[in-house]
Amino acid sequence: MASDLSLFGGTGSSTALTGQPLGRGVSKQVKKSTDLVVGRGAVAYTTDTVRAGLTYSALNNIGTLVGAAEQLMQVAPGGQAYYEACLNAYALGAANAIARFQ
């Protein structure tokens, strides 16, 4: 992936902004730096994707739990305060876990 990236020249070879070839040592440093940047980007992308998946899952779980609480309210309305406490605890715990995820 990073080897296909041409930062300064169109041929895939390492050249300075002036179009002059870079020395071997400089070329290696450029490749190493580029690989590090690409790696950090891949980690950031993966982290964001996983965090979005966790958020989606938590939202679905909260929706399911709210539905269950609504049904329970019809059967046992005296438990409303407990249902709300459980929902709040789950939602806050999930939100905190997602916020801490790195």
PDB file of N, CA and C in Angstrom:
ATOM      1  N   MET A   1       0.821  -1.182   0.000  1.00  0.00           N
ATOM      2  CA  MET A   1       0.000   0.000   0.000  1.00  0.00           C
ATOM      3  C   MET A   1       0.868   1.250   0.000  1.00  0.00           C
ATOM      4  N   ALA A   2       1.731   1.395   0.990  1.00  0.00           N
ATOM      5  CA  ALA A   2       2.582   2.569   1.059  1.00  0.00           C
ATOM      6  C   ALA A   2       3.601   2.570  -0.070  1.00  0.00           C
ATOM      7  N   SER A   3       3.983   1.398  -0.569  1.00  0.00           N
ATOM      8  CA  SER A   3       4.960   1.353  -1.642  1.00  0.00           C
ATOM      9  C   SER A   3       4.387   1.863  -2.954  1.00  0.00           C
ATOM     10  N   ASP A   4       3.056   1.885  -3.092  1.00  0.00           N
ATOM     11  CA  ASP A   4       2.423   2.407  -4.293  1.00  0.00           C
ATOM     12  C   ASP A   4       2.282   3.921  -4.251  1.00  0.00           C
ATOM     13  N   LEU A   5       2.504   4.512  -3.112  1.00  0.00           N
ATOM     14  CA  LEU A   5       2.304   5.930  -2.919  1.00  0.00           C
ATOM     15  C   LEU A   5       3.513   6.692  -3.417  1.00  0.00           C
ATOM     16  N   SER A   6       3.292   7.649  -4.280  1.00  0.00           N
ATOM     17  CA  SER A   6       4.364   8.483  -4.776  1.00  0.00           C
ATOM     18  C   SER A   6       4.146   9.891  -4.258  1.00  0.00           C
ATOM     19  N   LEU A   7       4.962  10.311  -3.316  1.00  0.00           N
ATOM     20  CA  LEU A   7       4.766  11.608  -2.687  1.00  0.00           C
ATOM     21  C   LEU A   7       5.303  12.764  -3.513  1.00  0.00           C
ATOM     22  N   PHE A   8       6.435  12.577  -4.158  1.00  0.00           N
ATOM     23  CA  PHE A   8       7.089  13.695  -4.813  1.00  0.00           C
ATOM     24  C   PHE A   8       7.264  13.513  -6.313  1.00  0.00           C
ATOM     25  N   GLY A   9       7.177  12.318  -6.786  1.00  0.00           N
ATOM     26  CA  GLY A   9       7.391  12.082  -8.201  1.00  0.00           C
ATOM     27  C   GLY A   9       6.330  11.165  -8.752  1.00  0.00           C
ATOM     28  N   GLY A  10       6.168  11.153 -10.041  1.00  0.00           N
ATOM     29  CA  GLY A  10       5.136  10.336 -10.645  1.00  0.00           C
ATOM     30  C   GLY A  10       5.587   8.924 -10.947  1.00  0.00           C
ATOM     31  N   THR A  11       6.848   8.617 -10.744  1.00  0.00           N
ATOM     32  CA  THR A  11       7.360   7.319 -11.154  1.00  0.00           C
ATOM     33  C   THR A  11       7.463   6.322 -10.011  1.00  0.00           C
ATOM     34  N   GLY A  12       7.152   6.759  -8.806  1.00  0.00           N
ATOM     35  CA  GLY A  12       7.294   5.862  -7.669  1.00  0.00           C
ATOM     36  C   GLY A  12       8.667   5.944  -7.043  1.00  0.00           C
ATOM     37  N   SER A  13       9.614   6.675  -7.701  1.00  0.00           N
ATOM     38  CA  SER A  13      10.929   6.835  -7.106  1.00  0.00           C
ATOM     39  C   SER A  13      10.921   8.056  -6.206  1.00  0.00           C
ATOM     40  N   SER A  14      11.789   8.082  -5.230  1.00  0.00           N
ATOM     41  CA  SER A  14      11.846   9.192  -4.295  1.00  0.00           C
ATOM     42  C   SER A  14      12.645  10.332  -4.895  1.00  0.00           C
ATOM     43  N   THR A  15      11.989  11.468  -5.049  1.00  0.00           N
ATOM     44  CA  THR A  15      12.661  12.659  -5.549  1.00  0.00           C
ATOM     45  C   THR A  15      12.305  13.830  -4.656  1.00  0.00           C
ATOM     46  N   ALA A  16      13.163  14.813  -4.625  1.00  0.00           N
ATOM     47  CA  ALA A  16      12.893  16.025  -3.861  1.00  0.00           C
ATOM     48  C   ALA A  16      11.865  16.857  -4.614  1.00  0.00           C
ATOM     49  N   LEU A  17      11.386  17.900  -3.987  1.00  0.00           N
ATOM     50  CA  LEU A  17      10.405  18.777  -4.631  1.00  0.00           C
ATOM     51  C   LEU A  17      10.951  19.376  -5.919  1.00  0.00           C
ATOM     52  N   THR A  18      12.258  19.484  -6.031  1.00  0.00           N
ATOM     53  CA  THR A  18      12.880  20.033  -7.240  1.00  0.00           C
ATOM     54  C   THR A  18      12.937  19.006  -8.360  1.00  0.00           C
ATOM     55  N   GLY A  19      12.589  17.778  -8.076  1.00  0.00           N
ATOM     56  CA  GLY A  19      12.646  16.724  -9.078  1.00  0.00           C
ATOM     57  C   GLY A  19      13.955  15.966  -9.061  1.00  0.00           C
ATOM     58  N   GLN A  20      14.879  16.364  -8.216  1.00  0.00           N
ATOM     59  CA  GLN A  20      16.171  15.694  -8.121  1.00  0.00           C
ATOM     60  C   GLN A  20      16.032  14.442  -7.258  1.00  0.00           C
ATOM     61  N   PRO A  21      16.711  13.361  -7.617  1.00  0.00           N
ATOM     62  CA  PRO A  21      16.646  12.145  -6.803  1.00  0.00           C
ATOM     63  C   PRO A  21      17.191  12.397  -5.396  1.00  0.00           C
ATOM     64  N   LEU A  22      16.571  11.751  -4.433  1.00  0.00           N
ATOM     65  CA  LEU A  22      17.039  11.828  -3.054  1.00  0.00           C
ATOM     66  C   LEU A  22      18.139  10.804  -2.840  1.00  0.00           C
ATOM     67  N   GLY A  23      19.010  11.080  -1.891  1.00  0.00           N
ATOM     68  CA  GLY A  23      20.029  10.108  -1.533  1.00  0.00           C
ATOM     69  C   GLY A  23      19.390   8.875  -0.914  1.00  0.00           C
ATOM     70  N   ARG A  24      20.137   7.793  -0.890  1.00  0.00           N
ATOM     71  CA  ARG A  24      19.618   6.526  -0.375  1.00  0.00           C
ATOM     72  C   ARG A  24      19.155   6.642   1.081  1.00  0.00           C
ATOM     73  N   GLY A  25      19.953   7.296   1.925  1.00  0.00           N
ATOM     74  CA  GLY A  25      19.591   7.446   3.332  1.00  0.00           C
ATOM     75  C   GLY A  25      18.341   8.285   3.511  1.00  0.00           C
ATOM     76  N   VAL A  26      18.235   9.366   2.745  1.00  0.00           N
ATOM     77  CA  VAL A  26      17.058  10.233   2.831  1.00  0.00           C
ATOM     78  C   VAL A  26      15.830   9.490   2.327  1.00  0.00           C
ATOM     79  N   SER A  27      16.002   8.737   1.256  1.00  0.00           N
ATOM     80  CA  SER A  27      14.892   7.971   0.697  1.00  0.00           C
ATOM     81  C   SER A  27      14.353   6.967   1.713  1.00  0.00           C
ATOM     82  N   LYS A  28      15.246   6.312   2.442  1.00  0.00           N
ATOM     83  CA  LYS A  28      14.817   5.360   3.477  1.00  0.00           C
ATOM     84  C   LYS A  28      14.068   6.080   4.593  1.00  0.00           C
ATOM     85  N   GLN A  29      14.549   7.276   4.969  1.00  0.00           N
ATOM     86  CA  GLN A  29      13.879   8.045   6.019  1.00  0.00           C
ATOM     87  C   GLN A  29      12.485   8.470   5.573  1.00  0.00           C
ATOM     88  N   VAL A  30      12.366   8.873   4.313  1.00  0.00           N
ATOM     89  CA  VAL A  30      11.063   9.277   3.777  1.00  0.00           C
ATOM     90  C   VAL A  30      10.112   8.089   3.800  1.00  0.00           C
ATOM     91  N   LYS A  31      10.583   6.922   3.363  1.00  0.00           N
ATOM     92  CA  LYS A  31       9.731   5.736   3.354  1.00  0.00           C
ATOM     93  C   LYS A  31       9.321   5.354   4.771  1.00  0.00           C
ATOM     94  N   LYS A  32      10.260   5.404   5.714  1.00  0.00           N
ATOM     95  CA  LYS A  32       9.946   5.060   7.098  1.00  0.00           C
ATOM     96  C   LYS A  32       8.903   6.024   7.661  1.00  0.00           C
ATOM     97  N   SER A  33       9.095   7.316   7.419  1.00  0.00           N
ATOM     98  CA  SER A  33       8.128   8.312   7.900  1.00  0.00           C
ATOM     99  C   SER A  33       6.766   8.107   7.261  1.00  0.00           C
ATOM    100  N   THR A  34       6.758   7.830   5.972  1.00  0.00           N
ATOM    101  CA  THR A  34       5.500   7.600   5.258  1.00  0.00           C
ATOM    102  C   THR A  34       4.794   6.366   5.800  1.00  0.00           C
ATOM    103  N   ASP A  35       5.539   5.307   6.027  1.00  0.00           N
ATOM    104  CA  ASP A  35       4.948   4.084   6.581  1.00  0.00           C
ATOM    105  C   ASP A  35       4.347   4.337   7.962  1.00  0.00           C
ATOM    106  N   LEU A  36       5.025   5.147   8.774  1.00  0.00           N
ATOM    107  CA  LEU A  36       4.496   5.468  10.102  1.00  0.00           C
ATOM    108  C   LEU A  36       3.189   6.250  10.005  1.00  0.00           C
ATOM    109  N   VAL A  37       3.143   7.221   9.097  1.00  0.00           N
ATOM    110  CA  VAL A  37       1.923   8.021   8.925  1.00  0.00           C
ATOM    111  C   VAL A  37       0.780   7.148   8.426  1.00  0.00           C
ATOM    112  N   VAL A  38       1.055   6.303   7.447  1.00  0.00           N
ATOM    113  CA  VAL A  38       0.028   5.406   6.919  1.00  0.00           C
ATOM    114  C   VAL A  38      -0.444   4.452   8.016  1.00  0.00           C
ATOM    115  N   GLY A  39       0.472   3.952   8.822  1.00  0.00           N
ATOM    116  CA  GLY A  39       0.109   3.066   9.929  1.00  0.00           C
ATOM    117  C   GLY A  39      -0.767   3.764  10.952  1.00  0.00           C
ATOM    118  N   ARG A  40      -0.411   5.002  11.305  1.00  0.00           N
ATOM    119  CA  ARG A  40      -1.241   5.760  12.255  1.00  0.00           C
ATOM    120  C   ARG A  40      -2.627   6.006  11.679  1.00  0.00           C
ATOM    121  N   GLY A  41      -2.688   6.279  10.388  1.00  0.00           N
ATOM    122  CA  GLY A  41      -3.992   6.474   9.742  1.00  0.00           C
ATOM    123  C   GLY A  41      -4.836   5.212   9.785  1.00  0.00           C
ATOM    124  N   ALA A  42      -4.210   4.075   9.550  1.00  0.00           N
ATOM    125  CA  ALA A  42      -4.940   2.804   9.585  1.00  0.00           C
ATOM    126  C   ALA A  42      -5.464   2.513  10.989  1.00  0.00           C
ATOM    127  N   VAL A  43      -4.659   2.797  12.002  1.00  0.00           N
ATOM    128  CA  VAL A  43      -5.099   2.588  13.386  1.00  0.00           C
ATOM    129  C   VAL A  43      -6.255   3.527  13.718  1.00  0.00           C
ATOM    130  N   ALA A  44      -6.149   4.791  13.323  1.00  0.00           N
ATOM    131  CA  ALA A  44      -7.222   5.758  13.595  1.00  0.00           C
ATOM    132  C   ALA A  44      -8.515   5.346  12.900  1.00  0.00           C
ATOM    133  N   TYR A  45      -8.406   4.896  11.657  1.00  0.00           N
ATOM    134  CA  TYR A  45      -9.584   4.460  10.900  1.00  0.00           C
ATOM    135  C   TYR A  45     -10.239   3.252  11.573  1.00  0.00           C
ATOM    136  N   THR A  46      -9.440   2.280  11.958  1.00  0.00           N
ATOM    137  CA  THR A  46      -9.968   1.078  12.607  1.00  0.00           C
ATOM    138  C   THR A  46     -10.605   1.419  13.950  1.00  0.00           C
ATOM    139  N   THR A  47      -9.948   2.266  14.725  1.00  0.00           N
ATOM    140  CA  THR A  47     -10.498   2.681  16.018  1.00  0.00           C
ATOM    141  C   THR A  47     -11.849   3.350  15.838  1.00  0.00           C
ATOM    142  N   ASP A  48     -11.947   4.254  14.870  1.00  0.00           N
ATOM    143  CA  ASP A  48     -13.210   4.951  14.619  1.00  0.00           C
ATOM    144  C   ASP A  48     -14.300   3.982  14.173  1.00  0.00           C
ATOM    145  N   THR A  49     -13.947   3.031  13.320  1.00  0.00           N
ATOM    146  CA  THR A  49     -14.919   2.055  12.835  1.00  0.00           C
ATOM    147  C   THR A  49     -15.437   1.183  13.977  1.00  0.00           C
ATOM    148  N   VAL A  50     -14.545   0.735  14.842  1.00  0.00           N
ATOM    149  CA  VAL A  50     -14.955  -0.094  15.980  1.00  0.00           C
ATOM    150  C   VAL A  50     -15.806   0.719  16.949  1.00  0.00           C
ATOM    151  N   ARG A  51     -15.414   1.968  17.200  1.00  0.00           N
ATOM    152  CA  ARG A  51     -16.201   2.826  18.098  1.00  0.00           C
ATOM    153  C   ARG A  51     -17.609   3.036  17.535  1.00  0.00           C
ATOM    154  N   ALA A  52     -17.718   3.227  16.234  1.00  0.00           N
ATOM    155  CA  ALA A  52     -19.042   3.376  15.612  1.00  0.00           C
ATOM    156  C   ALA A  52     -19.856   2.092  15.769  1.00  0.00           C
ATOM    157  N   GLY A  53     -19.212   0.943  15.618  1.00  0.00           N
ATOM    158  CA  GLY A  53     -19.906  -0.332  15.812  1.00  0.00           C
ATOM    159  C   GLY A  53     -20.389  -0.509  17.241  1.00  0.00           C
ATOM    160  N   LEU A  54     -19.562  -0.125  18.201  1.00  0.00           N
ATOM    161  CA  LEU A  54     -19.972  -0.196  19.607  1.00  0.00           C
ATOM    162  C   LEU A  54     -21.156   0.731  19.876  1.00  0.00           C
ATOM    163  N   THR A  55     -21.119   1.913  19.292  1.00  0.00           N
ATOM    164  CA  THR A  55     -22.210   2.873  19.467  1.00  0.00           C
ATOM    165  C   THR A  55     -23.499   2.332  18.874  1.00  0.00           C
ATOM    166  N   TYR A  56     -23.414   1.787  17.671  1.00  0.00           N
ATOM    167  CA  TYR A  56     -24.585   1.215  17.008  1.00  0.00           C
ATOM    168  C   TYR A  56     -25.176   0.087  17.853  1.00  0.00           C
ATOM    169  N   SER A  57     -24.313  -0.772  18.369  1.00  0.00           N
ATOM    170  CA  SER A  57     -24.766  -1.882  19.204  1.00  0.00           C
ATOM    171  C   SER A  57     -25.425  -1.376  20.483  1.00  0.00           C
ATOM    172  N   ALA A  58     -24.811  -0.391  21.125  1.00  0.00           N
ATOM    173  CA  ALA A  58     -25.382   0.161  22.357  1.00  0.00           C
ATOM    174  C   ALA A  58     -26.742   0.794  22.090  1.00  0.00           C
ATOM    175  N   LEU A  59     -26.866   1.530  20.985  1.00  0.00           N
ATOM    176  CA  LEU A  59     -28.155   2.145  20.652  1.00  0.00           C
ATOM    177  C   LEU A  59     -29.231   1.087  20.431  1.00  0.00           C
ATOM    178  N   ASN A  60     -28.882   0.021  19.727  1.00  0.00           N
ATOM    179  CA  ASN A  60     -29.842  -1.071  19.522  1.00  0.00           C
ATOM    180  C   ASN A  60     -30.216  -1.731  20.843  1.00  0.00           C
ATOM    181  N   ASN A  61     -29.227  -1.946  21.700  1.00  0.00           N
ATOM    182  CA  ASN A  61     -29.504  -2.553  23.004  1.00  0.00           C
ATOM    183  C   ASN A  61     -30.405  -1.659  23.846  1.00  0.00           C
ATOM    184  N   ILE A  62     -30.142  -0.363  23.830  1.00  0.00           N
ATOM    185  CA  ILE A  62     -30.979   0.566  24.593  1.00  0.00           C
ATOM    186  C   ILE A  62     -32.408   0.543  24.069  1.00  0.00           C
ATOM    187  N   GLY A  63     -32.554   0.536  22.746  1.00  0.00           N
ATOM    188  CA  GLY A  63     -33.897   0.455  22.159  1.00  0.00           C
ATOM    189  C   GLY A  63     -34.628  -0.807  22.579  1.00  0.00           C
ATOM    190  N   THR A  64     -33.932  -1.922  22.577  1.00  0.00           N
ATOM    191  CA  THR A  64     -34.528  -3.190  23.000  1.00  0.00           C
ATOM    192  C   THR A  64     -34.918  -3.141  24.473  1.00  0.00           C
ATOM    193  N   LEU A  65     -34.048  -2.590  25.289  1.00  0.00           N
ATOM    194  CA  LEU A  65     -34.330  -2.492  26.723  1.00  0.00           C
ATOM    195  C   LEU A  65     -35.494  -1.543  27.010  1.00  0.00           C
ATOM    196  N   VAL A  66     -35.592  -0.450  26.271  1.00  0.00           N
ATOM    197  CA  VAL A  66     -36.724   0.470  26.441  1.00  0.00           C
ATOM    198  C   VAL A  66     -38.024  -0.242  26.087  1.00  0.00           C
ATOM    199  N   GLY A  67     -38.008  -0.999  24.996  1.00  0.00           N
ATOM    200  CA  GLY A  67     -39.196  -1.773  24.616  1.00  0.00           C
ATOM    201  C   GLY A  67     -39.596  -2.760  25.699  1.00  0.00           C
ATOM    202  N   ALA A  68     -38.618  -3.442  26.267  1.00  0.00           N
ATOM    203  CA  ALA A  68     -38.905  -4.394  27.345  1.00  0.00           C
ATOM    204  C   ALA A  68     -39.464  -3.670  28.565  1.00  0.00           C
ATOM    205  N   ALA A  69     -38.907  -2.509  28.880  1.00  0.00           N
ATOM    206  CA  ALA A  69     -39.397  -1.745  30.033  1.00  0.00           C
ATOM    207  C   ALA A  69     -40.833  -1.273  29.803  1.00  0.00           C
ATOM    208  N   GLU A  70     -41.141  -0.871  28.577  1.00  0.00           N
ATOM    209  CA  GLU A  70     -42.513  -0.445  28.265  1.00  0.00           C
ATOM    210  C   GLU A  70     -43.497  -1.598  28.442  1.00  0.00           C
ATOM    211  N   GLN A  71     -43.100  -2.792  28.010  1.00  0.00           N
ATOM    212  CA  GLN A  71     -43.967  -3.962  28.195  1.00  0.00           C
ATOM    213  C   GLN A  71     -44.125  -4.288  29.679  1.00  0.00           C
ATOM    214  N   LEU A  72     -43.038  -4.211  30.414  1.00  0.00           N
ATOM    215  CA  LEU A  72     -43.104  -4.491  31.849  1.00  0.00           C
ATOM    216  C   LEU A  72     -43.964  -3.471  32.586  1.00  0.00           C
ATOM    217  N   MET A  73     -43.982  -2.249  32.110  1.00  0.00           N
ATOM    218  CA  MET A  73     -44.817  -1.213  32.734  1.00  0.00           C
ATOM    219  C   MET A  73     -46.295  -1.588  32.669  1.00  0.00           C
ATOM    220  N   GLN A  74     -46.689  -2.289  31.611  1.00  0.00           N
ATOM    221  CA  GLN A  74     -48.086  -2.707  31.475  1.00  0.00           C
ATOM    222  C   GLN A  74     -48.406  -3.846  32.441  1.00  0.00           C
ATOM    223  N   VAL A  75     -47.434  -4.698  32.687  1.00  0.00           N
ATOM    224  CA  VAL A  75     -47.632  -5.852  33.560  1.00  0.00           C
ATOM    225  C   VAL A  75     -47.403  -5.487  35.027  1.00  0.00           C
ATOM    226  N   ALA A  76     -46.357  -4.750  35.287  1.00  0.00           N
ATOM    227  CA  ALA A  76     -45.985  -4.403  36.664  1.00  0.00           C
ATOM    228  C   ALA A  76     -45.583  -2.930  36.724  1.00  0.00           C
ATOM    229  N   PRO A  77     -46.552  -2.027  36.700  1.00  0.00           N
ATOM    230  CA  PRO A  77     -46.234  -0.599  36.687  1.00  0.00           C
ATOM    231  C   PRO A  77     -45.503  -0.117  37.941  1.00  0.00           C
ATOM    232  N   GLY A  78     -45.588  -0.844  39.006  1.00  0.00           N
ATOM    233  CA  GLY A  78     -44.893  -0.464  40.234  1.00  0.00           C
ATOM    234  C   GLY A  78     -43.379  -0.504  40.103  1.00  0.00           C
ATOM    235  N   GLY A  79     -42.877  -1.146  39.077  1.00  0.00           N
ATOM    236  CA  GLY A  79     -41.427  -1.245  38.880  1.00  0.00           C
ATOM    237  C   GLY A  79     -40.839  -0.117  38.051  1.00  0.00           C
ATOM    238  N   GLN A  80     -41.632   0.895  37.721  1.00  0.00           N
ATOM    239  CA  GLN A  80     -41.174   1.962  36.825  1.00  0.00           C
ATOM    240  C   GLN A  80     -39.852   2.592  37.269  1.00  0.00           C
ATOM    241  N   ALA A  81     -39.742   2.925  38.521  1.00  0.00           N
ATOM    242  CA  ALA A  81     -38.508   3.563  39.009  1.00  0.00           C
ATOM    243  C   ALA A  81     -37.300   2.643  38.820  1.00  0.00           C
ATOM    244  N   TYR A  82     -37.503   1.343  39.014  1.00  0.00           N
ATOM    245  CA  TYR A  82     -36.407   0.384  38.841  1.00  0.00           C
ATOM    246  C   TYR A  82     -36.052   0.210  37.368  1.00  0.00           C
ATOM    247  N   TYR A  83     -37.071   0.162  36.512  1.00  0.00           N
ATOM    248  CA  TYR A  83     -36.818   0.037  35.075  1.00  0.00           C
ATOM    249  C   TYR A  83     -36.002   1.232  34.590  1.00  0.00           C
ATOM    250  N   GLU A  84     -36.424   2.427  35.018  1.00  0.00           N
ATOM    251  CA  GLU A  84     -35.714   3.639  34.605  1.00  0.00           C
ATOM    252  C   GLU A  84     -34.289   3.655  35.148  1.00  0.00           C
ATOM    253  N   ALA A  85     -34.115   3.224  36.381  1.00  0.00           N
ATOM    254  CA  ALA A  85     -32.770   3.189  36.975  1.00  0.00           C
ATOM    255  C   ALA A  85     -31.864   2.227  36.209  1.00  0.00           C
ATOM    256  N   CYS A  86     -32.406   1.071  35.844  1.00  0.00           N
ATOM    257  CA  CYS A  86     -31.622   0.085  35.085  1.00  0.00           C
ATOM    258  C   CYS A  86     -31.265   0.618  33.698  1.00  0.00           C
ATOM    259  N   LEU A  87     -32.241   1.229  33.032  1.00  0.00           N
ATOM    260  CA  LEU A  87     -31.987   1.795  31.704  1.00  0.00           C
ATOM    261  C   LEU A  87     -30.932   2.896  31.771  1.00  0.00           C
ATOM    262  N   ASN A  88     -31.071   3.777  32.752  1.00  0.00           N
ATOM    263  CA  ASN A  88     -30.094   4.858  32.900  1.00  0.00           C
ATOM    264  C   ASN A  88     -28.701   4.315  33.190  1.00  0.00           C
ATOM    265  N   ALA A  89     -28.625   3.318  34.055  1.00  0.00           N
ATOM    266  CA  ALA A  89     -27.325   2.730  34.395  1.00  0.00           C
ATOM    267  C   ALA A  89     -26.680   2.099  33.163  1.00  0.00           C
ATOM    268  N   TYR A  90     -27.480   1.350  32.392  1.00  0.00           N
ATOM    269  CA  TYR A  90     -26.927   0.721  31.190  1.00  0.00           C
ATOM    270  C   TYR A  90     -26.478   1.779  30.191  1.00  0.00           C
ATOM    271  N   ALA A  91     -27.352   2.748  29.921  1.00  0.00           N
ATOM    272  CA  ALA A  91     -27.044   3.765  28.912  1.00  0.00           C
ATOM    273  C   ALA A  91     -25.811   4.581  29.300  1.00  0.00           C
ATOM    274  N   LEU A  92     -25.726   4.982  30.551  1.00  0.00           N
ATOM    275  CA  LEU A  92     -24.555   5.748  30.996  1.00  0.00           C
ATOM    276  C   LEU A  92     -23.285   4.899  30.967  1.00  0.00           C
ATOM    277  N   GLY A  93     -23.397   3.641  31.382  1.00  0.00           N
ATOM    278  CA  GLY A  93     -22.240   2.746  31.333  1.00  0.00           C
ATOM    279  C   GLY A  93     -21.757   2.522  29.911  1.00  0.00           C
ATOM    280  N   ALA A  94     -22.699   2.314  28.992  1.00  0.00           N
ATOM    281  CA  ALA A  94     -22.325   2.112  27.589  1.00  0.00           C
ATOM    282  C   ALA A  94     -21.691   3.377  27.018  1.00  0.00           C
ATOM    283  N   ALA A  95     -22.281   4.530  27.310  1.00  0.00           N
ATOM    284  CA  ALA A  95     -21.733   5.792  26.805  1.00  0.00           C
ATOM    285  C   ALA A  95     -20.323   6.031  27.346  1.00  0.00           C
ATOM    286  N   ASN A  96     -20.118   5.752  28.620  1.00  0.00           N
ATOM    287  CA  ASN A  96     -18.784   5.921  29.208  1.00  0.00           C
ATOM    288  C   ASN A  96     -17.774   4.955  28.601  1.00  0.00           C
ATOM    289  N   ALA A  97     -18.180   3.718  28.377  1.00  0.00           N
ATOM    290  CA  ALA A  97     -17.279   2.729  27.775  1.00  0.00           C
ATOM    291  C   ALA A  97     -16.893   3.144  26.359  1.00  0.00           C
ATOM    292  N   ILE A  98     -17.853   3.652  25.604  1.00  0.00           N
ATOM    293  CA  ILE A  98     -17.571   4.103  24.239  1.00  0.00           C
ATOM    294  C   ILE A  98     -16.642   5.311  24.268  1.00  0.00           C
ATOM    295  N   ALA A  99     -16.893   6.237  25.178  1.00  0.00           N
ATOM    296  CA  ALA A  99     -16.051   7.434  25.277  1.00  0.00           C
ATOM    297  C   ALA A  99     -14.610   7.080  25.658  1.00  0.00           C
ATOM    298  N   ARG A 100     -14.426   6.048  26.485  1.00  0.00           N
ATOM    299  CA  ARG A 100     -13.081   5.639  26.914  1.00  0.00           C
ATOM    300  C   ARG A 100     -12.363   4.796  25.868  1.00  0.00           C
ATOM    301  N   PHE A 101     -13.102   4.227  24.929  1.00  0.00           N
ATOM    302  CA  PHE A 101     -12.502   3.321  23.943  1.00  0.00           C
ATOM    303  C   PHE A 101     -11.476   4.076  23.101  1.00  0.00           C
ATOM    304  N   GLN A 102     -10.295   3.503  22.993  1.00  0.00           N
ATOM    305  CA  GLN A 102      -9.240   4.123  22.183  1.00  0.00           C
ATOM    306  C   GLN A 102      -8.691   3.124  21.233  1.00  0.00           C
TER     307      GLN A 102
END
